[in-house]
Amino acid sequence: MGTVPDERPTVGRLARARLRYGWGFESSDFRFYGADGGAPGNDGTPYLGYRWYRYKVRDVLNSKWARSVTEDKWVFARLADGFGLAAPQTYGLYDRTYGTTWDTQRPLRTLQDLLDEIDRLRPDGLVLKPNGGMQGLQLVVLRSIDHGAGTAITAAGDATTLERALCGIDPAAGLGGYPGHIVQEHLHNHPVFDELAPYATNTLRVQTMLGDDGEVHLLGAVLRLSRRGNVVDNFSQGGVAVKVDTMTGRTGTGVTKKDPRRIHAHPDSGVEFADRQIPFWDDVVSLVSRGGRCLTGLRAIGWDIAVTPTGPVVVEANNNWDLQILQAHTDGFLADPTFRRLMGESGVPLPSGQVWRGFVGRWAWPVLARVRA
């Protein structure tokens, strides 16, 4: 599999305490940055901890009132269409109360409503996902549909009837407080992505930040590759995160959530992914740059971009960064002068090493509350 050996020593107990309370590290951060530091002699301090990001960075950059713009997938699909951002074709919102077709002319509240709309539109494939879902949870993916026979092929390659494939979706259910399921076309990988991992639709995670200069800056990018047996490419579901050079669009090494050591080939397909050119990279950059200027209230956005045979499309936008998969491929965001400059201009506080201040910081409040109780 081409794993790069890791013989660097583990950070000691005092150093771990310093990283936890001074840099906002959580337990999983130590596996990605703290235990090995990313380079010989590195003590982990160039890396931004997830808790510091969660409570000190994101709240400054992204208004909590604007987050529903990306968290509500139905609303985001309508906004993307209005802003002229290339996105998957959306057929409607499937919900017992609010369900409607894309043109709002027909209800999409019952299974029969859904079957009738699919029969009217006759898409090649279909994806249904909870409107407020995350990490690829509760997705229904149909790779192909035979409308004449009323059958479908699932993401796992199983043949079933269309009605059976959809009857398990509760039109009254949802996730994250947002109702229903969004109904969209099934996207096909560009051949370059299919060669690497043909198991699901693979996407790029591109992190942007709108600076005080009015320019959209790329903080990092990774190619997320699916694993055999999975219907999604999400890192949390076992996917591989491959570094992408934001200047050139060329790939580097990869990591998985269970093992952050660098790998050079896909664990299932065996195909090497280093030094490959991401198709339509300039178009990807243009797409996320335009998007970064459209969503007011959100200065930092993680874009999920699918690259199809005809070009890139925005699958989702995320208020919450996938910090580890981006930063694991760097020498640490805090070691990057551009990152520090952008944060400083935006009024974002960065770790200074003051452990006591970090200890009584926001991530310690739940602990202190339990002590008082």
Protein backbone atom coordinates (compact mmCIF):
# COMPACT_ATOMS: atom_id res chain seq x y z
CA MET A 1 0.00 0.00 0.00
CA GLY A 2 3.06 2.24 0.09
CA THR A 3 2.83 3.42 3.70
CA VAL A 4 5.59 5.78 4.75
CA PRO A 5 7.13 4.52 8.03
CA ASP A 6 6.86 6.76 11.05
CA GLU A 7 9.61 6.49 13.66
CA ARG A 8 9.24 9.87 15.35
CA PRO A 9 8.79 9.86 19.13
CA THR A 10 5.53 10.52 20.93
CA VAL A 11 5.14 13.91 22.60
CA GLY A 12 5.62 13.71 26.37
CA ARG A 13 2.99 14.25 29.06
CA LEU A 14 3.84 17.89 29.80
CA ALA A 15 3.98 18.72 26.11
CA ARG A 16 0.59 17.05 25.62
CA ALA A 17 -0.92 19.18 28.39
CA ARG A 18 0.54 22.27 26.78
CA LEU A 19 -0.96 21.36 23.41
CA ARG A 20 -4.32 20.48 24.92
CA TYR A 21 -4.77 23.65 26.98
CA GLY A 22 -2.60 26.12 25.10
CA TRP A 23 -3.37 25.07 21.52
CA GLY A 24 -6.82 23.52 21.94
CA PHE A 25 -5.88 20.00 20.88
CA GLU A 26 -8.39 17.22 21.26
CA SER A 27 -7.43 13.55 21.55
CA SER A 28 -7.54 12.78 17.83
CA ASP A 29 -5.32 15.79 17.05
CA PHE A 30 -2.36 14.09 18.73
CA ARG A 31 -2.49 11.23 16.21
CA PHE A 32 -2.42 13.64 13.32
CA TYR A 33 0.01 16.29 14.54
CA GLY A 34 1.03 16.03 18.21
CA ALA A 35 2.37 12.49 18.48
CA ASP A 36 4.76 12.88 15.57
CA GLY A 37 4.76 16.62 15.00
CA GLY A 38 4.79 16.29 11.22
CA ALA A 39 8.59 16.62 11.02
CA PRO A 40 11.63 15.65 13.12
CA GLY A 41 12.01 18.01 16.08
CA ASN A 42 8.48 19.40 15.69
CA ASP A 43 6.66 19.76 19.03
CA GLY A 44 3.17 20.08 17.53
CA THR A 45 2.82 23.82 18.15
CA PRO A 46 2.61 24.76 14.44
CA TYR A 47 -0.76 22.94 14.30
CA LEU A 48 -4.12 24.49 15.09
CA GLY A 49 -6.10 22.31 17.51
CA TYR A 50 -9.66 21.41 16.63
CA ARG A 51 -11.10 22.87 19.84
CA TRP A 52 -9.30 26.16 19.29
CA TYR A 53 -10.68 26.26 15.77
CA ARG A 54 -14.19 25.26 16.95
CA TYR A 55 -14.49 27.87 19.70
CA LYS A 56 -12.00 30.58 18.80
CA VAL A 57 -11.79 30.68 15.00
CA ARG A 58 -15.08 29.60 13.46
CA ASP A 59 -17.26 31.80 15.67
CA VAL A 60 -15.33 34.88 14.53
CA LEU A 61 -15.36 34.07 10.82
CA ASN A 62 -18.85 32.60 10.42
CA SER A 63 -22.00 34.11 11.85
CA LYS A 64 -24.09 31.49 13.65
CA TRP A 65 -27.16 33.07 12.06
CA ALA A 66 -25.81 32.43 8.57
CA ARG A 67 -24.86 28.77 9.07
CA SER A 68 -28.30 27.46 8.07
CA VAL A 69 -27.55 28.73 4.56
CA THR A 70 -25.25 25.74 4.09
CA GLU A 71 -26.73 23.33 6.64
CA ASP A 72 -30.17 23.33 4.99
CA LYS A 73 -29.38 21.54 1.73
CA TRP A 74 -32.68 22.49 0.10
CA VAL A 75 -32.10 26.20 0.76
CA PHE A 76 -28.49 25.91 -0.41
CA ALA A 77 -29.57 24.22 -3.67
CA ARG A 78 -31.95 27.10 -4.36
CA LEU A 79 -29.26 29.67 -3.56
CA ALA A 80 -26.65 27.93 -5.71
CA ASP A 81 -29.09 27.95 -8.62
CA GLY A 82 -29.85 31.63 -8.08
CA PHE A 83 -26.17 32.57 -7.89
CA GLY A 84 -25.40 30.61 -11.04
CA LEU A 85 -23.13 28.07 -9.31
CA ALA A 86 -22.88 24.74 -11.12
CA ALA A 87 -24.60 22.17 -8.90
CA PRO A 88 -26.30 18.76 -9.20
CA GLN A 89 -29.78 18.85 -10.68
CA THR A 90 -32.24 18.91 -7.80
CA TYR A 91 -35.66 17.34 -8.31
CA GLY A 92 -37.34 18.33 -5.08
CA LEU A 93 -37.68 18.12 -1.31
CA TYR A 94 -39.29 14.91 -0.07
CA ASP A 95 -41.11 15.66 3.19
CA ARG A 96 -44.52 14.84 4.63
CA THR A 97 -45.30 18.50 5.34
CA TYR A 98 -43.05 20.68 3.18
CA GLY A 99 -42.43 18.30 0.29
CA THR A 100 -42.45 19.90 -3.15
CA THR A 101 -40.98 19.44 -6.58
CA TRP A 102 -38.23 21.78 -7.79
CA ASP A 103 -40.71 23.93 -9.71
CA THR A 104 -43.04 23.91 -6.63
CA GLN A 105 -45.93 22.81 -8.85
CA ARG A 106 -46.50 19.33 -7.38
CA PRO A 107 -46.38 17.91 -3.85
CA LEU A 108 -43.60 15.51 -2.87
CA ARG A 109 -45.07 14.29 0.41
CA THR A 110 -45.78 10.60 -0.09
CA LEU A 111 -43.95 7.67 -1.62
CA GLN A 112 -46.41 7.72 -4.52
CA ASP A 113 -45.69 11.43 -5.10
CA LEU A 114 -41.99 10.57 -5.25
CA LEU A 115 -42.48 7.63 -7.62
CA ASP A 116 -44.70 9.73 -9.90
CA GLU A 117 -42.11 12.53 -10.11
CA ILE A 118 -39.31 10.07 -10.86
CA ASP A 119 -41.44 8.51 -13.59
CA ARG A 120 -42.10 11.96 -15.05
CA LEU A 121 -38.44 13.03 -15.03
CA ARG A 122 -36.85 9.62 -15.65
CA PRO A 123 -33.33 10.37 -14.31
CA ASP A 124 -30.49 7.90 -14.97
CA GLY A 125 -29.77 7.66 -11.24
CA LEU A 126 -30.82 9.20 -7.96
CA VAL A 127 -29.49 10.39 -4.60
CA LEU A 128 -31.66 11.10 -1.57
CA LYS A 129 -30.00 12.59 1.50
CA PRO A 130 -31.32 14.08 4.73
CA ASN A 131 -31.77 17.80 4.31
CA GLY A 132 -29.66 18.52 7.39
CA GLY A 133 -27.43 15.46 7.10
CA MET A 134 -23.67 15.23 7.53
CA GLN A 135 -20.84 12.75 7.04
CA GLY A 136 -22.83 10.82 4.44
CA LEU A 137 -25.30 9.45 6.99
CA GLN A 138 -28.59 7.88 5.82
CA LEU A 139 -27.89 8.37 2.12
CA VAL A 140 -29.84 6.42 -0.47
CA VAL A 141 -27.91 6.14 -3.73
CA LEU A 142 -29.29 4.53 -6.90
CA ARG A 143 -26.58 4.28 -9.54
CA SER A 144 -29.00 3.44 -12.32
CA ILE A 145 -32.74 3.13 -12.85
CA ASP A 146 -34.66 1.08 -15.42
CA HIS A 147 -37.88 3.05 -15.63
CA GLY A 148 -39.58 0.58 -17.94
CA ALA A 149 -39.08 -2.31 -15.52
CA GLY A 150 -39.33 -0.21 -12.36
CA THR A 151 -36.00 -1.52 -11.10
CA ALA A 152 -32.79 0.08 -9.83
CA ILE A 153 -29.16 -0.72 -9.00
CA THR A 154 -28.04 0.49 -5.58
CA ALA A 155 -24.63 1.94 -4.74
CA ALA A 156 -23.65 -1.51 -3.45
CA GLY A 157 -24.47 -3.03 -6.86
CA ASP A 158 -27.63 -4.80 -5.69
CA ALA A 159 -30.66 -5.05 -7.99
CA THR A 160 -33.99 -4.07 -6.47
CA THR A 161 -37.29 -2.51 -7.37
CA LEU A 162 -37.49 1.28 -7.33
CA GLU A 163 -40.33 1.20 -4.82
CA ARG A 164 -38.45 -1.10 -2.45
CA ALA A 165 -35.35 1.08 -2.64
CA LEU A 166 -37.31 4.17 -1.61
CA CYS A 167 -39.93 2.82 0.78
CA GLY A 168 -37.51 2.80 3.72
CA ILE A 169 -37.19 6.60 3.66
CA ASP A 170 -39.50 8.22 6.19
CA PRO A 171 -40.93 11.41 4.63
CA ALA A 172 -41.41 12.80 8.14
CA ALA A 173 -37.79 12.24 9.19
CA GLY A 174 -34.79 14.52 8.97
CA LEU A 175 -31.45 15.31 10.60
CA GLY A 176 -29.99 18.37 12.26
CA GLY A 177 -33.40 19.94 12.80
CA TYR A 178 -34.03 20.36 9.07
CA PRO A 179 -37.02 18.54 7.57
CA GLY A 180 -37.11 16.01 4.79
CA HIS A 181 -34.75 14.61 2.20
CA ILE A 182 -33.35 16.43 -0.81
CA VAL A 183 -33.71 14.53 -4.10
CA GLN A 184 -30.92 15.00 -6.66
CA GLU A 185 -29.32 13.43 -9.69
CA HIS A 186 -26.59 10.83 -9.24
CA LEU A 187 -23.25 12.31 -10.31
CA HIS A 188 -20.69 10.34 -12.30
CA ASN A 189 -16.96 10.60 -11.63
CA HIS A 190 -14.53 11.98 -14.13
CA PRO A 191 -12.54 9.01 -15.53
CA VAL A 192 -9.43 10.15 -13.61
CA PHE A 193 -11.34 9.76 -10.33
CA ASP A 194 -12.99 6.53 -11.39
CA GLU A 195 -9.59 4.98 -12.05
CA LEU A 196 -8.51 5.77 -8.50
CA ALA A 197 -11.68 4.77 -6.65
CA PRO A 198 -14.75 3.64 -8.64
CA TYR A 199 -16.78 2.80 -5.52
CA ALA A 200 -18.75 6.07 -5.07
CA THR A 201 -18.81 9.67 -6.23
CA ASN A 202 -15.47 11.16 -5.16
CA THR A 203 -15.25 14.82 -4.21
CA LEU A 204 -12.74 17.54 -3.52
CA ARG A 205 -12.86 19.40 -0.22
CA VAL A 206 -11.64 22.92 -0.95
CA GLN A 207 -11.38 25.35 1.96
CA THR A 208 -11.80 29.02 1.12
CA MET A 209 -11.64 32.22 3.14
CA LEU A 210 -12.84 35.65 2.13
CA GLY A 211 -10.15 38.09 3.21
CA ASP A 212 -10.39 41.75 4.15
CA ASP A 213 -8.97 42.48 0.72
CA GLY A 214 -12.16 41.13 -0.88
CA GLU A 215 -10.28 38.19 -2.39
CA VAL A 216 -11.18 34.55 -1.84
CA HIS A 217 -8.10 32.66 -0.63
CA LEU A 218 -7.64 28.88 -0.77
CA LEU A 219 -6.50 27.59 2.62
CA GLY A 220 -6.16 24.00 1.45
CA ALA A 221 -7.62 21.21 -0.66
CA VAL A 222 -7.84 17.43 -0.58
CA LEU A 223 -9.27 14.79 -2.87
CA ARG A 224 -11.54 12.45 -0.92
CA LEU A 225 -11.53 8.93 -2.33
CA SER A 226 -14.18 6.33 -1.51
CA ARG A 227 -13.48 2.83 -0.22
CA ARG A 228 -14.86 -0.48 -1.46
CA GLY A 229 -18.27 -1.18 0.09
CA ASN A 230 -19.02 2.46 0.98
CA VAL A 231 -21.65 4.63 -0.69
CA VAL A 232 -19.82 7.88 0.18
CA ASP A 233 -16.26 9.20 0.11
CA ASN A 234 -16.39 10.84 3.55
CA PHE A 235 -13.22 10.72 5.64
CA SER A 236 -15.29 9.81 8.70
CA GLN A 237 -16.61 6.76 6.84
CA GLY A 238 -13.13 5.42 6.06
CA GLY A 239 -12.33 7.40 2.92
CA VAL A 240 -8.81 8.45 1.88
CA ALA A 241 -7.87 12.14 1.92
CA VAL A 242 -5.23 12.97 -0.71
CA LYS A 243 -3.36 16.28 -0.66
CA VAL A 244 -4.00 18.63 -3.57
CA ASP A 245 -1.60 21.47 -4.33
CA THR A 246 -3.83 24.54 -4.50
CA MET A 247 -1.51 26.27 -6.98
CA THR A 248 -1.25 23.46 -9.52
CA GLY A 249 -4.08 21.04 -8.76
CA ARG A 250 -1.68 18.10 -8.57
CA THR A 251 -2.08 15.35 -5.99
CA GLY A 252 0.33 14.20 -3.30
CA THR A 253 0.18 11.58 -0.56
CA GLY A 254 -2.92 10.42 1.31
CA VAL A 255 -4.08 9.64 4.84
CA THR A 256 -7.01 7.80 6.44
CA LYS A 257 -8.77 8.62 9.68
CA LYS A 258 -7.62 5.43 11.40
CA ASP A 259 -4.01 5.78 10.30
CA PRO A 260 -2.59 9.26 9.57
CA ARG A 261 0.66 7.85 8.17
CA ARG A 262 1.19 8.87 4.56
CA ILE A 263 0.17 6.41 1.86
CA HIS A 264 0.86 6.55 -1.87
CA ALA A 265 -1.73 4.15 -3.28
CA HIS A 266 -5.40 3.46 -2.72
CA PRO A 267 -5.85 0.64 -0.16
CA ASP A 268 -8.50 -1.12 -2.27
CA SER A 269 -7.83 -0.33 -5.93
CA GLY A 270 -4.04 -0.33 -5.48
CA VAL A 271 -3.78 2.61 -7.89
CA GLU A 272 -1.10 5.18 -7.03
CA PHE A 273 -2.52 8.67 -6.62
CA ALA A 274 0.59 10.83 -6.28
CA ASP A 275 1.36 13.52 -8.90
CA ARG A 276 -1.92 13.30 -10.79
CA GLN A 277 -3.53 16.36 -12.29
CA ILE A 278 -7.04 17.16 -11.02
CA PRO A 279 -9.21 17.66 -14.12
CA PHE A 280 -10.70 21.15 -14.61
CA TRP A 281 -8.67 22.52 -11.69
CA ASP A 282 -8.84 26.12 -12.91
CA ASP A 283 -12.62 25.76 -13.19
CA VAL A 284 -12.74 24.35 -9.65
CA VAL A 285 -10.87 27.39 -8.32
CA SER A 286 -13.16 29.76 -10.25
CA LEU A 287 -16.25 27.98 -8.93
CA VAL A 288 -15.31 28.11 -5.24
CA SER A 289 -14.00 31.67 -5.57
CA ARG A 290 -17.33 32.82 -6.97
CA GLY A 291 -19.16 30.88 -4.27
CA GLY A 292 -17.01 32.40 -1.55
CA ARG A 293 -18.21 35.86 -2.55
CA CYS A 294 -21.88 34.86 -2.64
CA LEU A 295 -22.64 33.54 0.84
CA THR A 296 -22.60 36.57 3.11
CA GLY A 297 -22.02 35.94 6.79
CA LEU A 298 -19.73 32.96 6.06
CA ARG A 299 -16.16 34.03 5.41
CA ALA A 300 -14.69 30.52 5.69
CA ILE A 301 -16.37 27.72 3.73
CA GLY A 302 -15.46 24.11 3.03
CA TRP A 303 -16.66 23.28 -0.47
CA ASP A 304 -17.45 19.73 -1.60
CA ILE A 305 -16.82 19.65 -5.34
CA ALA A 306 -17.56 16.71 -7.62
CA VAL A 307 -15.61 16.65 -10.87
CA THR A 308 -17.77 15.06 -13.56
CA PRO A 309 -16.77 14.25 -17.14
CA THR A 310 -18.08 17.68 -18.16
CA GLY A 311 -16.71 19.78 -15.31
CA PRO A 312 -16.97 20.58 -11.59
CA VAL A 313 -20.19 21.02 -9.63
CA VAL A 314 -20.84 22.15 -6.03
CA VAL A 315 -22.27 19.23 -4.08
CA GLU A 316 -22.35 21.03 -0.73
CA ALA A 317 -20.91 23.97 1.18
CA ASN A 318 -19.88 23.52 4.81
CA ASN A 319 -19.63 26.03 7.62
CA ASN A 320 -17.59 23.48 9.58
CA TRP A 321 -14.07 22.86 8.24
CA ASP A 322 -12.72 19.35 7.95
CA LEU A 323 -9.65 20.69 9.74
CA GLN A 324 -7.63 17.52 10.25
CA ILE A 325 -7.69 16.25 6.67
CA LEU A 326 -6.55 19.66 5.44
CA GLN A 327 -3.91 20.42 8.04
CA ALA A 328 -2.47 16.88 8.17
CA HIS A 329 -0.93 17.52 4.75
CA THR A 330 0.85 20.69 5.84
CA ASP A 331 3.59 21.71 8.26
CA GLY A 332 0.82 23.29 10.36
CA PHE A 333 -1.51 26.19 9.61
CA LEU A 334 0.16 28.24 12.35
CA ALA A 335 3.48 27.95 10.51
CA ASP A 336 1.96 29.51 7.38
CA PRO A 337 2.49 33.30 7.27
CA THR A 338 -0.43 33.76 4.89
CA PHE A 339 -2.80 31.91 7.23
CA ARG A 340 -1.64 33.97 10.21
CA ARG A 341 -2.01 37.20 8.23
CA LEU A 342 -5.55 36.37 7.11
CA MET A 343 -6.56 35.40 10.64
CA GLY A 344 -5.00 38.55 12.09
CA GLU A 345 -6.73 40.84 9.59
CA SER A 346 -10.05 39.16 10.45
CA GLY A 347 -9.62 39.54 14.19
CA VAL A 348 -9.19 35.82 14.85
CA PRO A 349 -7.19 35.02 18.02
CA LEU A 350 -4.49 32.39 17.56
CA PRO A 351 -2.74 30.26 20.21
CA SER A 352 -0.02 32.10 22.12
CA GLY A 353 1.09 29.29 24.44
CA GLN A 354 -0.59 30.77 27.53
CA VAL A 355 -1.72 27.49 29.04
CA TRP A 356 -3.75 28.91 31.94
CA ARG A 357 -5.75 31.13 29.62
CA GLY A 358 -6.36 28.13 27.41
CA PHE A 359 -7.42 25.99 30.37
CA VAL A 360 -10.13 28.42 31.45
CA GLY A 361 -11.07 28.95 27.81
CA ARG A 362 -14.32 27.93 26.31
CA TRP A 363 -13.48 24.25 25.77
CA ALA A 364 -13.01 23.83 29.56
CA TRP A 365 -16.41 25.27 30.48
CA PRO A 366 -18.27 21.90 30.40
CA VAL A 367 -15.64 20.42 32.78
CA LEU A 368 -15.89 23.36 35.18
CA ALA A 369 -19.69 23.17 35.09
CA ARG A 370 -19.58 19.51 36.14
CA VAL A 371 -17.15 20.33 38.97
CA ARG A 372 -19.44 23.05 40.30
CA ALA A 373 -22.42 20.70 40.13
